[in-house]
Amino acid sequence: MWTNFFKLRLFCCLLAVLMVVVLVVNVTQVEYLDHETVSATFIDSSGQFVSSQ
């Protein structure tokens, strides 16, 4: 009984850590895309991407 509870707790902790890592990676990718692509383009009123160049 004790080992099953410990394994479940360990699994939940590892899953939580993995979710935090995935969240951090996704946020950093979005910030990178914002700086690289969104600064050079914008969306007009019809929903089309328009380059600022």
PDB file of N, CA and C in Angstrom:
ATOM      1  N   MET A   1       0.821  -1.201   0.000  1.00  0.00           N
ATOM      2  CA  MET A   1       0.000   0.000   0.000  1.00  0.00           C
ATOM      3  C   MET A   1       0.861   1.260   0.000  1.00  0.00           C
ATOM      4  N   TRP A   2       1.876   1.290   0.859  1.00  0.00           N
ATOM      5  CA  TRP A   2       2.733   2.468   0.960  1.00  0.00           C
ATOM      6  C   TRP A   2       3.505   2.700  -0.333  1.00  0.00           C
ATOM      7  N   THR A   3       3.995   1.605  -0.954  1.00  0.00           N
ATOM      8  CA  THR A   3       4.773   1.770  -2.182  1.00  0.00           C
ATOM      9  C   THR A   3       3.894   2.245  -3.329  1.00  0.00           C
ATOM     10  N   ASN A   4       2.635   1.792  -3.385  1.00  0.00           N
ATOM     11  CA  ASN A   4       1.748   2.251  -4.447  1.00  0.00           C
ATOM     12  C   ASN A   4       1.463   3.742  -4.314  1.00  0.00           C
ATOM     13  N   PHE A   5       1.250   4.211  -3.080  1.00  0.00           N
ATOM     14  CA  PHE A   5       1.016   5.633  -2.847  1.00  0.00           C
ATOM     15  C   PHE A   5       2.248   6.443  -3.221  1.00  0.00           C
ATOM     16  N   PHE A   6       3.423   5.946  -2.857  1.00  0.00           N
ATOM     17  CA  PHE A   6       4.661   6.646  -3.184  1.00  0.00           C
ATOM     18  C   PHE A   6       4.861   6.721  -4.689  1.00  0.00           C
ATOM     19  N   LYS A   7       4.590   5.623  -5.405  1.00  0.00           N
ATOM     20  CA  LYS A   7       4.736   5.616  -6.861  1.00  0.00           C
ATOM     21  C   LYS A   7       3.757   6.584  -7.515  1.00  0.00           C
ATOM     22  N   LEU A   8       2.529   6.630  -7.019  1.00  0.00           N
ATOM     23  CA  LEU A   8       1.533   7.556  -7.565  1.00  0.00           C
ATOM     24  C   LEU A   8       1.943   9.001  -7.314  1.00  0.00           C
ATOM     25  N   ARG A   9       2.428   9.268  -6.107  1.00  0.00           N
ATOM     26  CA  ARG A   9       2.866  10.627  -5.783  1.00  0.00           C
ATOM     27  C   ARG A   9       4.065  11.029  -6.635  1.00  0.00           C
ATOM     28  N   LEU A  10       5.006  10.130  -6.812  1.00  0.00           N
ATOM     29  CA  LEU A  10       6.170  10.406  -7.643  1.00  0.00           C
ATOM     30  C   LEU A  10       5.757  10.651  -9.090  1.00  0.00           C
ATOM     31  N   PHE A  11       4.835   9.840  -9.597  1.00  0.00           N
ATOM     32  CA  PHE A  11       4.348  10.011 -10.963  1.00  0.00           C
ATOM     33  C   PHE A  11       3.674  11.371 -11.130  1.00  0.00           C
ATOM     34  N   CYS A  12       2.849  11.761 -10.171  1.00  0.00           N
ATOM     35  CA  CYS A  12       2.159  13.057 -10.262  1.00  0.00           C
ATOM     36  C   CYS A  12       3.152  14.219 -10.210  1.00  0.00           C
ATOM     37  N   CYS A  13       4.157  14.105  -9.369  1.00  0.00           N
ATOM     38  CA  CYS A  13       5.170  15.164  -9.287  1.00  0.00           C
ATOM     39  C   CYS A  13       5.958  15.272 -10.581  1.00  0.00           C
ATOM     40  N   LEU A  14       6.347  14.137 -11.139  1.00  0.00           N
ATOM     41  CA  LEU A  14       7.078  14.161 -12.402  1.00  0.00           C
ATOM     42  C   LEU A  14       6.211  14.717 -13.527  1.00  0.00           C
ATOM     43  N   LEU A  15       4.939  14.365 -13.533  1.00  0.00           N
ATOM     44  CA  LEU A  15       4.024  14.888 -14.543  1.00  0.00           C
ATOM     45  C   LEU A  15       3.871  16.400 -14.406  1.00  0.00           C
ATOM     46  N   ALA A  16       3.790  16.897 -13.185  1.00  0.00           N
ATOM     47  CA  ALA A  16       3.677  18.340 -12.959  1.00  0.00           C
ATOM     48  C   ALA A  16       4.936  19.060 -13.428  1.00  0.00           C
ATOM     49  N   VAL A  17       6.103  18.496 -13.134  1.00  0.00           N
ATOM     50  CA  VAL A  17       7.360  19.100 -13.583  1.00  0.00           C
ATOM     51  C   VAL A  17       7.427  19.113 -15.105  1.00  0.00           C
ATOM     52  N   LEU A  18       7.017  18.028 -15.737  1.00  0.00           N
ATOM     53  CA  LEU A  18       7.017  17.964 -17.195  1.00  0.00           C
ATOM     54  C   LEU A  18       6.079  19.011 -17.788  1.00  0.00           C
ATOM     55  N   MET A  19       4.918  19.193 -17.187  1.00  0.00           N
ATOM     56  CA  MET A  19       3.974  20.188 -17.691  1.00  0.00           C
ATOM     57  C   MET A  19       4.540  21.599 -17.567  1.00  0.00           C
ATOM     58  N   VAL A  20       5.236  21.884 -16.482  1.00  0.00           N
ATOM     59  CA  VAL A  20       5.852  23.200 -16.305  1.00  0.00           C
ATOM     60  C   VAL A  20       6.933  23.420 -17.349  1.00  0.00           C
ATOM     61  N   VAL A  21       7.749  22.404 -17.608  1.00  0.00           N
ATOM     62  CA  VAL A  21       8.803  22.521 -18.619  1.00  0.00           C
ATOM     63  C   VAL A  21       8.200  22.777 -19.992  1.00  0.00           C
ATOM     64  N   VAL A  22       7.156  22.045 -20.350  1.00  0.00           N
ATOM     65  CA  VAL A  22       6.503  22.240 -21.649  1.00  0.00           C
ATOM     66  C   VAL A  22       5.914  23.645 -21.736  1.00  0.00           C
ATOM     67  N   LEU A  23       5.319  24.138 -20.673  1.00  0.00           N
ATOM     68  CA  LEU A  23       4.750  25.479 -20.666  1.00  0.00           C
ATOM     69  C   LEU A  23       5.828  26.536 -20.870  1.00  0.00           C
ATOM     70  N   VAL A  24       6.959  26.394 -20.191  1.00  0.00           N
ATOM     71  CA  VAL A  24       8.049  27.357 -20.334  1.00  0.00           C
ATOM     72  C   VAL A  24       8.594  27.340 -21.752  1.00  0.00           C
ATOM     73  N   VAL A  25       8.766  26.155 -22.331  1.00  0.00           N
ATOM     74  CA  VAL A  25       9.271  26.054 -23.702  1.00  0.00           C
ATOM     75  C   VAL A  25       8.303  26.711 -24.674  1.00  0.00           C
ATOM     76  N   ASN A  26       7.003  26.479 -24.512  1.00  0.00           N
ATOM     77  CA  ASN A  26       6.016  27.077 -25.408  1.00  0.00           C
ATOM     78  C   ASN A  26       5.999  28.595 -25.286  1.00  0.00           C
ATOM     79  N   VAL A  27       6.093  29.115 -24.079  1.00  0.00           N
ATOM     80  CA  VAL A  27       6.087  30.569 -23.889  1.00  0.00           C
ATOM     81  C   VAL A  27       7.318  31.193 -24.520  1.00  0.00           C
ATOM     82  N   THR A  28       8.478  30.566 -24.364  1.00  0.00           N
ATOM     83  CA  THR A  28       9.685  31.133 -24.964  1.00  0.00           C
ATOM     84  C   THR A  28       9.614  31.080 -26.479  1.00  0.00           C
ATOM     85  N   GLN A  29       8.999  30.044 -27.054  1.00  0.00           N
ATOM     86  CA  GLN A  29       8.847  29.984 -28.506  1.00  0.00           C
ATOM     87  C   GLN A  29       7.909  31.069 -28.997  1.00  0.00           C
ATOM     88  N   VAL A  30       6.827  31.324 -28.281  1.00  0.00           N
ATOM     89  CA  VAL A  30       5.885  32.373 -28.684  1.00  0.00           C
ATOM     90  C   VAL A  30       6.560  33.733 -28.620  1.00  0.00           C
ATOM     91  N   GLU A  31       7.341  33.993 -27.581  1.00  0.00           N
ATOM     92  CA  GLU A  31       8.044  35.267 -27.492  1.00  0.00           C
ATOM     93  C   GLU A  31       9.050  35.407 -28.624  1.00  0.00           C
ATOM     94  N   TYR A  32       9.736  34.324 -28.986  1.00  0.00           N
ATOM     95  CA  TYR A  32      10.687  34.365 -30.092  1.00  0.00           C
ATOM     96  C   TYR A  32       9.965  34.683 -31.394  1.00  0.00           C
ATOM     97  N   LEU A  33       8.821  34.033 -31.632  1.00  0.00           N
ATOM     98  CA  LEU A  33       8.058  34.301 -32.847  1.00  0.00           C
ATOM     99  C   LEU A  33       7.541  35.728 -32.856  1.00  0.00           C
ATOM    100  N   ASP A  34       7.119  36.243 -31.708  1.00  0.00           N
ATOM    101  CA  ASP A  34       6.641  37.622 -31.644  1.00  0.00           C
ATOM    102  C   ASP A  34       7.734  38.592 -32.064  1.00  0.00           C
ATOM    103  N   HIS A  35       8.951  38.378 -31.600  1.00  0.00           N
ATOM    104  CA  HIS A  35      10.031  39.303 -31.922  1.00  0.00           C
ATOM    105  C   HIS A  35      10.493  39.157 -33.365  1.00  0.00           C
ATOM    106  N   GLU A  36      10.477  37.950 -33.901  1.00  0.00           N
ATOM    107  CA  GLU A  36      11.025  37.719 -35.233  1.00  0.00           C
ATOM    108  C   GLU A  36      10.028  37.991 -36.349  1.00  0.00           C
ATOM    109  N   THR A  37       8.782  37.581 -36.202  1.00  0.00           N
ATOM    110  CA  THR A  37       7.845  37.645 -37.321  1.00  0.00           C
ATOM    111  C   THR A  37       6.788  38.720 -37.164  1.00  0.00           C
ATOM    112  N   VAL A  38       6.233  38.857 -35.981  1.00  0.00           N
ATOM    113  CA  VAL A  38       5.132  39.799 -35.812  1.00  0.00           C
ATOM    114  C   VAL A  38       5.619  41.227 -35.946  1.00  0.00           C
ATOM    115  N   SER A  39       6.864  41.491 -35.600  1.00  0.00           N
ATOM    116  CA  SER A  39       7.383  42.847 -35.732  1.00  0.00           C
ATOM    117  C   SER A  39       7.521  43.249 -37.200  1.00  0.00           C
ATOM    118  N   ALA A  40       7.643  42.263 -38.097  1.00  0.00           N
ATOM    119  CA  ALA A  40       7.810  42.568 -39.519  1.00  0.00           C
ATOM    120  C   ALA A  40       6.503  42.473 -40.289  1.00  0.00           C
ATOM    121  N   THR A  41       5.454  41.953 -39.686  1.00  0.00           N
ATOM    122  CA  THR A  41       4.182  41.795 -40.376  1.00  0.00           C
ATOM    123  C   THR A  41       3.044  42.235 -39.471  1.00  0.00           C
ATOM    124  N   PHE A  42       1.910  42.500 -40.083  1.00  0.00           N
ATOM    125  CA  PHE A  42       0.709  42.761 -39.309  1.00  0.00           C
ATOM    126  C   PHE A  42      -0.480  42.238 -40.091  1.00  0.00           C
ATOM    127  N   ILE A  43      -1.628  42.185 -39.440  1.00  0.00           N
ATOM    128  CA  ILE A  43      -2.833  41.645 -40.061  1.00  0.00           C
ATOM    129  C   ILE A  43      -3.768  42.804 -40.371  1.00  0.00           C
ATOM    130  N   ASP A  44      -4.204  42.914 -41.633  1.00  0.00           N
ATOM    131  CA  ASP A  44      -5.130  43.989 -41.994  1.00  0.00           C
ATOM    132  C   ASP A  44      -6.558  43.613 -41.607  1.00  0.00           C
ATOM    133  N   SER A  45      -7.502  44.472 -41.931  1.00  0.00           N
ATOM    134  CA  SER A  45      -8.882  44.275 -41.479  1.00  0.00           C
ATOM    135  C   SER A  45      -9.539  43.049 -42.095  1.00  0.00           C
ATOM    136  N   SER A  46      -9.034  42.564 -43.237  1.00  0.00           N
ATOM    137  CA  SER A  46      -9.622  41.377 -43.862  1.00  0.00           C
ATOM    138  C   SER A  46      -9.008  40.086 -43.329  1.00  0.00           C
ATOM    139  N   GLY A  47      -8.043  40.191 -42.418  1.00  0.00           N
ATOM    140  CA  GLY A  47      -7.440  39.006 -41.829  1.00  0.00           C
ATOM    141  C   GLY A  47      -6.225  38.503 -42.575  1.00  0.00           C
ATOM    142  N   GLN A  48      -5.732  39.252 -43.544  1.00  0.00           N
ATOM    143  CA  GLN A  48      -4.560  38.846 -44.322  1.00  0.00           C
ATOM    144  C   GLN A  48      -3.289  39.416 -43.688  1.00  0.00           C
ATOM    145  N   PHE A  49      -2.214  38.625 -43.755  1.00  0.00           N
ATOM    146  CA  PHE A  49      -0.928  39.112 -43.285  1.00  0.00           C
ATOM    147  C   PHE A  49      -0.352  40.077 -44.315  1.00  0.00           C
ATOM    148  N   VAL A  50       0.128  41.216 -43.837  1.00  0.00           N
ATOM    149  CA  VAL A  50       0.706  42.227 -44.712  1.00  0.00           C
ATOM    150  C   VAL A  50       2.091  42.546 -44.182  1.00  0.00           C
ATOM    151  N   SER A  51       3.090  42.505 -45.063  1.00  0.00           N
ATOM    152  CA  SER A  51       4.452  42.806 -44.652  1.00  0.00           C
ATOM    153  C   SER A  51       4.628  44.308 -44.528  1.00  0.00           C
ATOM    154  N   SER A  52       5.413  44.729 -43.558  1.00  0.00           N
ATOM    155  CA  SER A  52       5.645  46.156 -43.361  1.00  0.00           C
ATOM    156  C   SER A  52       6.751  46.680 -44.259  1.00  0.00           C
ATOM    157  N   GLN A  53       7.341  45.813 -45.053  1.00  0.00           N
ATOM    158  CA  GLN A  53       8.440  46.242 -45.923  1.00  0.00           C
ATOM    159  C   GLN A  53       7.935  46.757 -47.240  1.00  0.00           C
TER     160      GLN A  53
END
